[in-house]
PDB file of N, CA and C in Angstrom:
ATOM      1  N   MET A   1      -1.815  12.222   0.943  1.00  0.00           N
ATOM      2  CA  MET A   1      -1.767  12.704  -0.190  1.00  0.00           C
ATOM      3  C   MET A   1      -3.283  12.841  -0.204  1.00  0.00           C
ATOM      4  N   ASP A   2      -3.869  13.953  -1.057  1.00  0.00           N
ATOM      5  CA  ASP A   2      -5.338  13.958  -1.077  1.00  0.00           C
ATOM      6  C   ASP A   2      -5.174  14.437  -2.412  1.00  0.00           C
ATOM      7  N   ASN A   3      -6.015  13.298  -3.560  1.00  0.00           N
ATOM      8  CA  ASN A   3      -5.854  13.628  -4.708  1.00  0.00           C
ATOM      9  C   ASN A   3      -7.194  14.201  -5.606  1.00  0.00           C
ATOM     10  N   ALA A   4      -7.215  15.304  -5.295  1.00  0.00           N
ATOM     11  CA  ALA A   4      -8.330  16.550  -5.549  1.00  0.00           C
ATOM     12  C   ALA A   4      -9.679  16.235  -5.343  1.00  0.00           C
ATOM     13  N   SER A   5      -9.302  15.290  -3.589  1.00  0.00           N
ATOM     14  CA  SER A   5     -11.183  14.988  -3.088  1.00  0.00           C
ATOM     15  C   SER A   5     -11.796  16.120  -3.095  1.00  0.00           C
ATOM     16  N   SER A   6     -13.115  16.153  -3.557  1.00  0.00           N
ATOM     17  CA  SER A   6     -14.074  16.835  -3.270  1.00  0.00           C
ATOM     18  C   SER A   6     -15.337  16.783  -2.088  1.00  0.00           C
ATOM     19  N   ASP A   7     -14.947  16.351  -1.261  1.00  0.00           N
ATOM     20  CA  ASP A   7     -15.787  15.742   0.084  1.00  0.00           C
ATOM     21  C   ASP A   7     -15.699  16.028   1.229  1.00  0.00           C
ATOM     22  N   GLY A   8     -14.860  17.516   0.933  1.00  0.00           N
ATOM     23  CA  GLY A   8     -14.429  17.940   2.376  1.00  0.00           C
ATOM     24  C   GLY A   8     -13.430  17.617   3.287  1.00  0.00           C
ATOM     25  N   SER A   9     -12.779  16.291   3.063  1.00  0.00           N
ATOM     26  CA  SER A   9     -11.808  15.673   3.642  1.00  0.00           C
ATOM     27  C   SER A   9     -10.504  16.668   3.662  1.00  0.00           C
ATOM     28  N   ARG A  10     -10.158  17.234   3.104  1.00  0.00           N
ATOM     29  CA  ARG A  10      -8.503  18.212   2.752  1.00  0.00           C
ATOM     30  C   ARG A  10      -9.178  19.116   4.200  1.00  0.00           C
ATOM     31  N   GLU A  11     -10.484  19.401   4.037  1.00  0.00           N
ATOM     32  CA  GLU A  11     -10.246  20.735   5.251  1.00  0.00           C
ATOM     33  C   GLU A  11     -10.813  19.982   6.904  1.00  0.00           C
ATOM     34  N   THR A  12     -11.261  18.789   6.774  1.00  0.00           N
ATOM     35  CA  THR A  12     -11.462  17.916   7.701  1.00  0.00           C
ATOM     36  C   THR A  12      -9.759  17.332   8.771  1.00  0.00           C
ATOM     37  N   VAL A  13      -9.369  17.269   7.584  1.00  0.00           N
ATOM     38  CA  VAL A  13      -7.636  16.985   8.063  1.00  0.00           C
ATOM     39  C   VAL A  13      -7.017  17.879   8.745  1.00  0.00           C
ATOM     40  N   ALA A  14      -7.067  18.836   7.789  1.00  0.00           N
ATOM     41  CA  ALA A  14      -6.475  20.340   8.073  1.00  0.00           C
ATOM     42  C   ALA A  14      -7.067  20.748   9.589  1.00  0.00           C
ATOM     43  N   GLU A  15      -8.137  20.850  10.220  1.00  0.00           N
ATOM     44  CA  GLU A  15      -8.599  21.100  11.435  1.00  0.00           C
ATOM     45  C   GLU A  15      -8.841  19.756  12.313  1.00  0.00           C
ATOM     46  N   ASP A  16      -8.887  19.157  12.204  1.00  0.00           N
ATOM     47  CA  ASP A  16      -8.920  17.524  13.331  1.00  0.00           C
ATOM     48  C   ASP A  16      -7.436  17.049  13.441  1.00  0.00           C
ATOM     49  N   PHE A  17      -6.546  17.504  12.399  1.00  0.00           N
ATOM     50  CA  PHE A  17      -5.255  17.244  12.741  1.00  0.00           C
ATOM     51  C   PHE A  17      -4.460  18.272  12.690  1.00  0.00           C
ATOM     52  N   PRO A  18      -4.105  19.254  12.860  1.00  0.00           N
ATOM     53  CA  PRO A  18      -3.314  20.137  12.815  1.00  0.00           C
ATOM     54  C   PRO A  18      -1.643  19.803  12.357  1.00  0.00           C
ATOM     55  N   SER A  19      -1.331  19.046  13.181  1.00  0.00           N
ATOM     56  CA  SER A  19      -0.369  18.277  13.287  1.00  0.00           C
ATOM     57  C   SER A  19       0.192  18.137  11.535  1.00  0.00           C
ATOM     58  N   VAL A  20      -0.451  17.278  11.244  1.00  0.00           N
ATOM     59  CA  VAL A  20      -0.583  16.332   9.820  1.00  0.00           C
ATOM     60  C   VAL A  20      -0.230  17.776   8.433  1.00  0.00           C
ATOM     61  N   THR A  21       1.087  16.782   7.903  1.00  0.00           N
ATOM     62  CA  THR A  21       1.293  17.598   6.496  1.00  0.00           C
ATOM     63  C   THR A  21       0.395  17.429   5.420  1.00  0.00           C
ATOM     64  N   LEU A  22      -0.395  17.806   4.662  1.00  0.00           N
ATOM     65  CA  LEU A  22      -1.143  17.192   3.782  1.00  0.00           C
ATOM     66  C   LEU A  22      -0.979  17.435   2.585  1.00  0.00           C
ATOM     67  N   ILE A  23      -0.546  16.539   1.845  1.00  0.00           N
ATOM     68  CA  ILE A  23       0.269  17.128   0.202  1.00  0.00           C
ATOM     69  C   ILE A  23      -1.294  17.080  -0.542  1.00  0.00           C
ATOM     70  N   THR A  24      -1.282  18.248  -1.297  1.00  0.00           N
ATOM     71  CA  THR A  24      -2.761  18.197  -2.206  1.00  0.00           C
ATOM     72  C   THR A  24      -2.287  18.126  -3.457  1.00  0.00           C
ATOM     73  N   SER A  25      -3.581  17.756  -4.718  1.00  0.00           N
ATOM     74  CA  SER A  25      -3.217  17.772  -5.797  1.00  0.00           C
ATOM     75  C   SER A  25      -4.538  18.055  -6.476  1.00  0.00           C
ATOM     76  N   ASP A  26      -4.411  19.344  -7.125  1.00  0.00           N
ATOM     77  CA  ASP A  26      -5.642  19.725  -7.987  1.00  0.00           C
ATOM     78  C   ASP A  26      -6.521  19.384  -8.940  1.00  0.00           C
ATOM     79  N   VAL A  27      -5.530  17.858  -9.530  1.00  0.00           N
ATOM     80  CA  VAL A  27      -6.266  17.349 -10.272  1.00  0.00           C
ATOM     81  C   VAL A  27      -5.599  15.828  -9.234  1.00  0.00           C
ATOM     82  N   ASN A  28      -7.181  14.461 -10.236  1.00  0.00           N
ATOM     83  CA  ASN A  28      -6.588  13.173  -9.377  1.00  0.00           C
ATOM     84  C   ASN A  28      -5.546  12.508 -10.298  1.00  0.00           C
ATOM     85  N   LEU A  29      -4.343  12.410  -9.464  1.00  0.00           N
ATOM     86  CA  LEU A  29      -3.205  11.890 -10.349  1.00  0.00           C
ATOM     87  C   LEU A  29      -3.261   9.962 -10.571  1.00  0.00           C
ATOM     88  N   GLY A  30      -4.225   9.450  -9.786  1.00  0.00           N
ATOM     89  CA  GLY A  30      -4.808   8.139  -9.525  1.00  0.00           C
ATOM     90  C   GLY A  30      -3.418   7.877  -8.524  1.00  0.00           C
ATOM     91  N   PHE A  31      -4.056   6.423  -8.084  1.00  0.00           N
ATOM     92  CA  PHE A  31      -3.389   5.756  -7.207  1.00  0.00           C
ATOM     93  C   PHE A  31      -1.746   6.033  -7.313  1.00  0.00           C
ATOM     94  N   ALA A  32      -1.019   5.586  -8.456  1.00  0.00           N
ATOM     95  CA  ALA A  32      -0.009   5.520  -8.222  1.00  0.00           C
ATOM     96  C   ALA A  32       0.719   6.688  -8.772  1.00  0.00           C
ATOM     97  N   GLY A  33       0.264   7.695  -9.388  1.00  0.00           N
ATOM     98  CA  GLY A  33       0.495   9.310  -9.294  1.00  0.00           C
ATOM     99  C   GLY A  33       0.431   9.993  -7.739  1.00  0.00           C
ATOM    100  N   GLY A  34      -0.940   9.805  -7.302  1.00  0.00           N
ATOM    101  CA  GLY A  34      -0.917  10.100  -5.593  1.00  0.00           C
ATOM    102  C   GLY A  34       0.438   9.529  -4.501  1.00  0.00           C
ATOM    103  N   VAL A  35       0.900   8.180  -4.735  1.00  0.00           N
ATOM    104  CA  VAL A  35       1.604   7.437  -4.101  1.00  0.00           C
ATOM    105  C   VAL A  35       3.004   8.155  -4.356  1.00  0.00           C
ATOM    106  N   ASN A  36       3.231   8.320  -5.806  1.00  0.00           N
ATOM    107  CA  ASN A  36       4.423   9.342  -6.132  1.00  0.00           C
ATOM    108  C   ASN A  36       4.619  10.480  -5.417  1.00  0.00           C
ATOM    109  N   ALA A  37       3.725  11.199  -5.819  1.00  0.00           N
ATOM    110  CA  ALA A  37       3.499  12.980  -5.600  1.00  0.00           C
ATOM    111  C   ALA A  37       4.115  12.759  -3.881  1.00  0.00           C
ATOM    112  N   GLY A  38       3.404  11.962  -3.252  1.00  0.00           N
ATOM    113  CA  GLY A  38       3.736  11.605  -1.578  1.00  0.00           C
ATOM    114  C   GLY A  38       4.482  11.277  -0.964  1.00  0.00           C
ATOM    115  N   VAL A  39       5.159  10.640  -1.967  1.00  0.00           N
ATOM    116  CA  VAL A  39       6.675  10.005  -1.729  1.00  0.00           C
ATOM    117  C   VAL A  39       7.875  10.890  -1.624  1.00  0.00           C
ATOM    118  N   ARG A  40       7.575  11.482  -3.097  1.00  0.00           N
ATOM    119  CA  ARG A  40       8.621  13.070  -3.563  1.00  0.00           C
ATOM    120  C   ARG A  40       8.533  14.063  -2.435  1.00  0.00           C
ATOM    121  N   ALA A  41       7.402  14.018  -1.881  1.00  0.00           N
ATOM    122  CA  ALA A  41       7.048  15.101  -0.975  1.00  0.00           C
ATOM    123  C   ALA A  41       7.564  14.991   0.422  1.00  0.00           C
ATOM    124  N   THR A  42       8.363  13.687   0.778  1.00  0.00           N
ATOM    125  CA  THR A  42       8.724  13.445   1.967  1.00  0.00           C
ATOM    126  C   THR A  42      10.328  13.187   2.108  1.00  0.00           C
ATOM    127  N   ALA A  43      11.048  13.603   3.087  1.00  0.00           N
ATOM    128  CA  ALA A  43      12.390  13.004   3.874  1.00  0.00           C
ATOM    129  C   ALA A  43      12.559  12.202   4.016  1.00  0.00           C
ATOM    130  N   SER A  44      11.467  11.209   4.668  1.00  0.00           N
ATOM    131  CA  SER A  44      11.285  10.102   5.608  1.00  0.00           C
ATOM    132  C   SER A  44      12.116   8.838   5.062  1.00  0.00           C
ATOM    133  N   PRO A  45      12.956   8.604   6.020  1.00  0.00           N
ATOM    134  CA  PRO A  45      13.056   6.791   5.364  1.00  0.00           C
ATOM    135  C   PRO A  45      12.533   5.845   5.069  1.00  0.00           C
ATOM    136  N   TRP A  46      10.966   6.084   5.565  1.00  0.00           N
ATOM    137  CA  TRP A  46      10.090   5.370   5.699  1.00  0.00           C
ATOM    138  C   TRP A  46       8.687   5.607   5.239  1.00  0.00           C
ATOM    139  N   VAL A  47       8.284   5.020   4.220  1.00  0.00           N
ATOM    140  CA  VAL A  47       7.105   5.264   3.733  1.00  0.00           C
ATOM    141  C   VAL A  47       5.953   4.236   3.770  1.00  0.00           C
ATOM    142  N   LEU A  48       4.928   4.339   4.329  1.00  0.00           N
ATOM    143  CA  LEU A  48       3.559   3.626   4.788  1.00  0.00           C
ATOM    144  C   LEU A  48       2.950   3.885   3.695  1.00  0.00           C
ATOM    145  N   ILE A  49       2.230   2.852   2.300  1.00  0.00           N
ATOM    146  CA  ILE A  49       1.033   2.972   2.068  1.00  0.00           C
ATOM    147  C   ILE A  49       0.117   1.802   2.084  1.00  0.00           C
ATOM    148  N   LEU A  50      -1.041   2.724   2.159  1.00  0.00           N
ATOM    149  CA  LEU A  50      -2.038   2.098   2.621  1.00  0.00           C
ATOM    150  C   LEU A  50      -3.436   2.792   1.861  1.00  0.00           C
ATOM    151  N   ASN A  51      -4.630   1.261   1.406  1.00  0.00           N
ATOM    152  CA  ASN A  51      -5.643   1.813   0.872  1.00  0.00           C
ATOM    153  C   ASN A  51      -6.448   1.894   2.040  1.00  0.00           C
ATOM    154  N   PRO A  52      -7.512   2.583   1.877  1.00  0.00           N
ATOM    155  CA  PRO A  52      -8.306   3.480   2.965  1.00  0.00           C
ATOM    156  C   PRO A  52      -8.854   2.323   3.307  1.00  0.00           C
ATOM    157  N   ASP A  53      -9.224   1.256   3.092  1.00  0.00           N
ATOM    158  CA  ASP A  53      -9.819   0.021   3.556  1.00  0.00           C
ATOM    159  C   ASP A  53      -8.807  -0.560   4.843  1.00  0.00           C
ATOM    160  N   ILE A  54      -7.858  -0.323   5.282  1.00  0.00           N
ATOM    161  CA  ILE A  54      -6.423  -1.004   5.637  1.00  0.00           C
ATOM    162  C   ILE A  54      -6.342  -0.457   7.335  1.00  0.00           C
ATOM    163  N   GLU A  55      -6.460  -1.478   8.210  1.00  0.00           N
ATOM    164  CA  GLU A  55      -6.429  -1.317   9.291  1.00  0.00           C
ATOM    165  C   GLU A  55      -4.828  -1.813   9.776  1.00  0.00           C
ATOM    166  N   VAL A  56      -4.186  -1.400  10.288  1.00  0.00           N
ATOM    167  CA  VAL A  56      -2.817  -1.975  10.468  1.00  0.00           C
ATOM    168  C   VAL A  56      -2.798  -1.654  12.345  1.00  0.00           C
ATOM    169  N   THR A  57      -1.972  -2.544  12.789  1.00  0.00           N
ATOM    170  CA  THR A  57      -1.278  -2.774  14.054  1.00  0.00           C
ATOM    171  C   THR A  57       0.434  -1.999  14.423  1.00  0.00           C
ATOM    172  N   ALA A  58      -0.078  -1.808  15.757  1.00  0.00           N
ATOM    173  CA  ALA A  58       1.584  -1.330  15.620  1.00  0.00           C
ATOM    174  C   ALA A  58       2.030  -2.487  15.781  1.00  0.00           C
ATOM    175  N   ALA A  59       2.059  -3.785  16.440  1.00  0.00           N
ATOM    176  CA  ALA A  59       3.080  -5.004  16.208  1.00  0.00           C
ATOM    177  C   ALA A  59       2.968  -5.196  15.019  1.00  0.00           C
ATOM    178  N   GLY A  60       2.190  -4.805  13.962  1.00  0.00           N
ATOM    179  CA  GLY A  60       2.632  -4.892  12.358  1.00  0.00           C
ATOM    180  C   GLY A  60       3.575  -3.979  11.800  1.00  0.00           C
ATOM    181  N   ILE A  61       3.591  -2.949  11.975  1.00  0.00           N
ATOM    182  CA  ILE A  61       4.140  -1.595  11.800  1.00  0.00           C
ATOM    183  C   ILE A  61       5.743  -1.842  12.361  1.00  0.00           C
ATOM    184  N   GLU A  62       5.824  -2.165  13.748  1.00  0.00           N
ATOM    185  CA  GLU A  62       6.931  -2.271  14.699  1.00  0.00           C
ATOM    186  C   GLU A  62       7.700  -3.297  13.666  1.00  0.00           C
ATOM    187  N   GLN A  63       7.008  -4.615  12.853  1.00  0.00           N
ATOM    188  CA  GLN A  63       8.030  -6.007  12.708  1.00  0.00           C
ATOM    189  C   GLN A  63       8.296  -5.275  11.280  1.00  0.00           C
ATOM    190  N   LEU A  64       7.826  -4.548  10.937  1.00  0.00           N
ATOM    191  CA  LEU A  64       8.111  -3.834   9.101  1.00  0.00           C
ATOM    192  C   LEU A  64       9.677  -3.358   9.406  1.00  0.00           C
ATOM    193  N   VAL A  65       9.112  -2.545  10.685  1.00  0.00           N
ATOM    194  CA  VAL A  65      10.833  -1.443  10.475  1.00  0.00           C
ATOM    195  C   VAL A  65      11.658  -2.241  11.334  1.00  0.00           C
ATOM    196  N   ARG A  66      11.627  -3.360  12.197  1.00  0.00           N
ATOM    197  CA  ARG A  66      12.365  -4.094  12.460  1.00  0.00           C
ATOM    198  C   ARG A  66      13.394  -5.011  11.449  1.00  0.00           C
ATOM    199  N   GLU A  67      12.646  -5.788  10.871  1.00  0.00           N
ATOM    200  CA  GLU A  67      13.058  -6.070   9.528  1.00  0.00           C
ATOM    201  C   GLU A  67      13.771  -5.449   8.366  1.00  0.00           C
ATOM    202  N   GLY A  68      12.939  -4.214   8.298  1.00  0.00           N
ATOM    203  CA  GLY A  68      13.852  -3.287   7.347  1.00  0.00           C
ATOM    204  C   GLY A  68      15.008  -2.518   8.025  1.00  0.00           C
ATOM    205  N   THR A  69      15.094  -2.127   8.811  1.00  0.00           N
ATOM    206  CA  THR A  69      16.438  -1.501   9.947  1.00  0.00           C
ATOM    207  C   THR A  69      17.550  -2.883  10.075  1.00  0.00           C
ATOM    208  N   ALA A  70      16.920  -4.289   9.776  1.00  0.00           N
ATOM    209  CA  ALA A  70      17.990  -5.228  10.446  1.00  0.00           C
ATOM    210  C   ALA A  70      18.851  -5.476   9.453  1.00  0.00           C
ATOM    211  N   ASP A  71      18.178  -5.437   7.961  1.00  0.00           N
ATOM    212  CA  ASP A  71      18.694  -5.462   6.478  1.00  0.00           C
ATOM    213  C   ASP A  71      19.285  -4.241   5.932  1.00  0.00           C
ATOM    214  N   PRO A  72      19.946  -3.352   5.921  1.00  0.00           N
ATOM    215  CA  PRO A  72      20.047  -2.487   4.778  1.00  0.00           C
ATOM    216  C   PRO A  72      19.942  -2.903   3.537  1.00  0.00           C
ATOM    217  N   THR A  73      19.564  -3.455   2.964  1.00  0.00           N
ATOM    218  CA  THR A  73      19.793  -3.916   1.429  1.00  0.00           C
ATOM    219  C   THR A  73      18.115  -4.372   1.057  1.00  0.00           C
ATOM    220  N   ILE A  74      16.843  -3.950   1.916  1.00  0.00           N
ATOM    221  CA  ILE A  74      15.582  -4.160   1.995  1.00  0.00           C
ATOM    222  C   ILE A  74      14.880  -2.835   1.230  1.00  0.00           C
ATOM    223  N   GLY A  75      14.698  -2.712   0.274  1.00  0.00           N
ATOM    224  CA  GLY A  75      13.966  -1.760  -0.341  1.00  0.00           C
ATOM    225  C   GLY A  75      12.709  -1.290  -0.532  1.00  0.00           C
ATOM    226  N   ALA A  76      11.952  -2.598  -0.202  1.00  0.00           N
ATOM    227  CA  ALA A  76      10.682  -2.366   0.132  1.00  0.00           C
ATOM    228  C   ALA A  76      10.102  -3.712   1.069  1.00  0.00           C
ATOM    229  N   ALA A  77       8.710  -3.503   1.610  1.00  0.00           N
ATOM    230  CA  ALA A  77       8.044  -4.814   2.453  1.00  0.00           C
ATOM    231  C   ALA A  77       6.720  -4.730   2.401  1.00  0.00           C
ATOM    232  N   GLY A  78       6.422  -5.785   2.564  1.00  0.00           N
ATOM    233  CA  GLY A  78       4.938  -5.753   2.653  1.00  0.00           C
ATOM    234  C   GLY A  78       4.078  -6.697   3.388  1.00  0.00           C
ATOM    235  N   ALA A  79       3.331  -6.304   3.833  1.00  0.00           N
ATOM    236  CA  ALA A  79       2.537  -7.181   5.368  1.00  0.00           C
ATOM    237  C   ALA A  79       1.602  -7.734   4.465  1.00  0.00           C
ATOM    238  N   CYS A  80       1.059  -9.167   5.573  1.00  0.00           N
ATOM    239  CA  CYS A  80       0.878 -10.139   4.927  1.00  0.00           C
ATOM    240  C   CYS A  80      -0.839  -9.781   5.362  1.00  0.00           C
ATOM    241  N   LEU A  81      -1.932  -9.727   4.528  1.00  0.00           N
ATOM    242  CA  LEU A  81      -3.434  -9.266   4.459  1.00  0.00           C
ATOM    243  C   LEU A  81      -3.923 -10.474   5.181  1.00  0.00           C
ATOM    244  N   VAL A  82      -4.728 -10.035   6.625  1.00  0.00           N
ATOM    245  CA  VAL A  82      -5.752 -10.963   6.757  1.00  0.00           C
ATOM    246  C   VAL A  82      -6.835 -10.703   7.020  1.00  0.00           C
ATOM    247  N   ASP A  83      -8.080 -11.129   7.194  1.00  0.00           N
ATOM    248  CA  ASP A  83      -9.317 -11.255   7.325  1.00  0.00           C
ATOM    249  C   ASP A  83     -10.071 -10.956   8.658  1.00  0.00           C
ATOM    250  N   GLY A  84     -10.891 -10.222   9.209  1.00  0.00           N
ATOM    251  CA  GLY A  84     -11.302  -9.984  10.573  1.00  0.00           C
ATOM    252  C   GLY A  84     -10.792 -10.972  11.450  1.00  0.00           C
ATOM    253  N   ALA A  85     -10.929 -12.670  10.935  1.00  0.00           N
ATOM    254  CA  ALA A  85     -10.389 -13.938  12.105  1.00  0.00           C
ATOM    255  C   ALA A  85      -9.353 -13.799  12.118  1.00  0.00           C
ATOM    256  N   GLY A  86      -8.288 -13.472  11.045  1.00  0.00           N
ATOM    257  CA  GLY A  86      -6.884 -13.492  11.321  1.00  0.00           C
ATOM    258  C   GLY A  86      -6.152 -14.336  10.405  1.00  0.00           C
ATOM    259  N   THR A  87      -7.276 -14.850   9.752  1.00  0.00           N
ATOM    260  CA  THR A  87      -6.183 -15.879   8.211  1.00  0.00           C
ATOM    261  C   THR A  87      -5.983 -14.651   7.211  1.00  0.00           C
ATOM    262  N   PRO A  88      -4.980 -15.405   6.800  1.00  0.00           N
ATOM    263  CA  PRO A  88      -4.268 -14.845   5.683  1.00  0.00           C
ATOM    264  C   PRO A  88      -5.477 -14.473   4.326  1.00  0.00           C
ATOM    265  N   GLN A  89      -5.813 -13.593   3.654  1.00  0.00           N
ATOM    266  CA  GLN A  89      -6.517 -13.473   2.783  1.00  0.00           C
ATOM    267  C   GLN A  89      -5.289 -13.952   1.448  1.00  0.00           C
ATOM    268  N   ALA A  90      -6.628 -14.616   0.886  1.00  0.00           N
ATOM    269  CA  ALA A  90      -5.884 -15.657  -0.554  1.00  0.00           C
ATOM    270  C   ALA A  90      -6.388 -14.819  -1.836  1.00  0.00           C
ATOM    271  N   GLY A  91      -4.834 -14.555  -2.639  1.00  0.00           N
ATOM    272  CA  GLY A  91      -4.895 -13.637  -3.709  1.00  0.00           C
ATOM    273  C   GLY A  91      -4.152 -12.716  -3.314  1.00  0.00           C
ATOM    274  N   PHE A  92      -3.930 -12.421  -2.094  1.00  0.00           N
ATOM    275  CA  PHE A  92      -3.440 -11.330  -2.139  1.00  0.00           C
ATOM    276  C   PHE A  92      -1.772 -11.343  -1.830  1.00  0.00           C
ATOM    277  N   ALA A  93      -1.286 -12.613  -2.243  1.00  0.00           N
ATOM    278  CA  ALA A  93       0.245 -12.835  -1.786  1.00  0.00           C
ATOM    279  C   ALA A  93       1.007 -11.935  -2.899  1.00  0.00           C
ATOM    280  N   VAL A  94       2.297 -11.589  -2.156  1.00  0.00           N
ATOM    281  CA  VAL A  94       3.658 -11.601  -3.119  1.00  0.00           C
ATOM    282  C   VAL A  94       3.712 -12.357  -3.889  1.00  0.00           C
ATOM    283  N   ARG A  95       4.174 -12.250  -5.323  1.00  0.00           N
ATOM    284  CA  ARG A  95       4.796 -13.445  -6.160  1.00  0.00           C
ATOM    285  C   ARG A  95       5.507 -13.138  -6.449  1.00  0.00           C
ATOM    286  N   ARG A  96       6.497 -14.029  -7.339  1.00  0.00           N
ATOM    287  CA  ARG A  96       7.931 -13.173  -7.956  1.00  0.00           C
ATOM    288  C   ARG A  96       8.010 -12.549  -9.067  1.00  0.00           C
ATOM    289  N   PHE A  97       8.675 -11.519  -9.442  1.00  0.00           N
ATOM    290  CA  PHE A  97       8.281 -10.659 -10.599  1.00  0.00           C
ATOM    291  C   PHE A  97       7.694 -11.403 -11.577  1.00  0.00           C
ATOM    292  N   PRO A  98       6.985 -10.653 -12.118  1.00  0.00           N
ATOM    293  CA  PRO A  98       6.201 -11.415 -13.605  1.00  0.00           C
ATOM    294  C   PRO A  98       7.188 -11.430 -14.705  1.00  0.00           C
ATOM    295  N   THR A  99       7.165 -12.622 -15.458  1.00  0.00           N
ATOM    296  CA  THR A  99       7.011 -13.414 -16.807  1.00  0.00           C
ATOM    297  C   THR A  99       6.328 -12.953 -17.815  1.00  0.00           C
ATOM    298  N   LEU A 100       6.415 -13.279 -18.881  1.00  0.00           N
ATOM    299  CA  LEU A 100       5.424 -13.056 -20.434  1.00  0.00           C
ATOM    300  C   LEU A 100       4.525 -14.171 -19.494  1.00  0.00           C
ATOM    301  N   GLY A 101       5.230 -15.774 -19.403  1.00  0.00           N
ATOM    302  CA  GLY A 101       4.531 -16.576 -19.074  1.00  0.00           C
ATOM    303  C   GLY A 101       3.636 -16.719 -17.800  1.00  0.00           C
ATOM    304  N   THR A 102       3.667 -15.714 -16.785  1.00  0.00           N
ATOM    305  CA  THR A 102       2.594 -15.494 -15.685  1.00  0.00           C
ATOM    306  C   THR A 102       1.632 -14.656 -15.554  1.00  0.00           C
ATOM    307  N   LEU A 103       2.421 -13.164 -16.914  1.00  0.00           N
ATOM    308  CA  LEU A 103       1.467 -12.495 -17.596  1.00  0.00           C
ATOM    309  C   LEU A 103       0.118 -13.119 -17.695  1.00  0.00           C
ATOM    310  N   ALA A 104       0.940 -14.480 -18.870  1.00  0.00           N
ATOM    311  CA  ALA A 104      -0.543 -14.787 -19.961  1.00  0.00           C
ATOM    312  C   ALA A 104      -1.216 -15.861 -18.935  1.00  0.00           C
ATOM    313  N   VAL A 105      -0.701 -16.526 -17.697  1.00  0.00           N
ATOM    314  CA  VAL A 105      -1.077 -17.096 -16.408  1.00  0.00           C
ATOM    315  C   VAL A 105      -2.521 -16.238 -15.986  1.00  0.00           C
ATOM    316  N   ASP A 106      -2.333 -14.911 -15.940  1.00  0.00           N
ATOM    317  CA  ASP A 106      -3.123 -14.008 -14.846  1.00  0.00           C
ATOM    318  C   ASP A 106      -4.533 -13.528 -16.495  1.00  0.00           C
ATOM    319  N   LEU A 107      -3.580 -13.580 -17.160  1.00  0.00           N
ATOM    320  CA  LEU A 107      -4.646 -12.760 -18.596  1.00  0.00           C
ATOM    321  C   LEU A 107      -5.721 -13.788 -18.537  1.00  0.00           C
ATOM    322  N   LEU A 108      -5.638 -15.255 -18.541  1.00  0.00           N
ATOM    323  CA  LEU A 108      -6.540 -16.419 -19.092  1.00  0.00           C
ATOM    324  C   LEU A 108      -6.997 -16.865 -17.729  1.00  0.00           C
ATOM    325  N   LEU A 109      -7.043 -16.247 -16.672  1.00  0.00           N
ATOM    326  CA  LEU A 109      -8.038 -16.254 -15.436  1.00  0.00           C
ATOM    327  C   LEU A 109      -7.499 -17.442 -15.066  1.00  0.00           C
ATOM    328  N   VAL A 110      -6.078 -18.432 -14.742  1.00  0.00           N
ATOM    329  CA  VAL A 110      -6.108 -19.367 -14.642  1.00  0.00           C
ATOM    330  C   VAL A 110      -6.363 -19.373 -12.785  1.00  0.00           C
ATOM    331  N   ASP A 111      -5.648 -18.674 -12.115  1.00  0.00           N
ATOM    332  CA  ASP A 111      -6.298 -18.524 -11.064  1.00  0.00           C
ATOM    333  C   ASP A 111      -7.839 -18.738 -10.489  1.00  0.00           C
ATOM    334  N   GLN A 112      -8.640 -18.210 -11.207  1.00  0.00           N
ATOM    335  CA  GLN A 112      -9.732 -18.667 -11.097  1.00  0.00           C
ATOM    336  C   GLN A 112     -10.022 -19.971 -10.969  1.00  0.00           C
ATOM    337  N   VAL A 113      -9.570 -21.361 -11.646  1.00  0.00           N
ATOM    338  CA  VAL A 113      -9.464 -22.583 -11.670  1.00  0.00           C
ATOM    339  C   VAL A 113      -8.540 -22.919 -11.321  1.00  0.00           C
ATOM    340  N   TRP A 114      -7.818 -22.630 -10.562  1.00  0.00           N
ATOM    341  CA  TRP A 114      -6.464 -23.184  -9.976  1.00  0.00           C
ATOM    342  C   TRP A 114      -6.035 -22.130  -8.417  1.00  0.00           C
ATOM    343  N   PRO A 115      -6.742 -22.414  -7.182  1.00  0.00           N
ATOM    344  CA  PRO A 115      -6.593 -20.603  -6.524  1.00  0.00           C
ATOM    345  C   PRO A 115      -5.638 -21.336  -5.887  1.00  0.00           C
ATOM    346  N   GLY A 116      -4.918 -22.425  -5.623  1.00  0.00           N
ATOM    347  CA  GLY A 116      -3.712 -22.504  -5.309  1.00  0.00           C
ATOM    348  C   GLY A 116      -2.500 -22.589  -5.804  1.00  0.00           C
ATOM    349  N   ASN A 117      -2.704 -21.914  -7.376  1.00  0.00           N
ATOM    350  CA  ASN A 117      -2.035 -21.829  -8.136  1.00  0.00           C
ATOM    351  C   ASN A 117      -0.618 -21.003  -7.483  1.00  0.00           C
ATOM    352  N   PRO A 118       1.241 -21.469  -7.298  1.00  0.00           N
ATOM    353  CA  PRO A 118       2.018 -21.070  -6.831  1.00  0.00           C
ATOM    354  C   PRO A 118       2.814 -19.833  -7.653  1.00  0.00           C
TER     355      PRO A 118
END
C-alpha cells in the first residue's frame, strides 16, 4: 500500500517488482487507513501488516501460518518482537483488551516507573 508517497517509491516498486500489485492512494490515509485500504484490496486469507523497519524470517512466517491454520477460530496473530541479539523487546508485548483502569495506567505513565507491569 502506497500512502501518497512523493519519494519515487511507487515508480521503484513498479519497475523493480513488476509482479507486485501496488495499491495506491492519492491522499495519505494514515497508518490505519492505509492498512484498511490494503486489506480491502485483497482476497487473500492471510495479510501480513508490517512497519517499514521490520525484518521477518521465513521461520517466523511459517509458524504464524501453521498456528493460524491449526485453529480456525484464530482471527489475528502477532509475532514476538526481538532485537538484534534475539532478546524479546520490552514494551511491545501483546496485552489483554484495555479497560478504563489499564488506560488510566497508560496515561499516568505507570509503565515508566514499573517496566515489568503485567
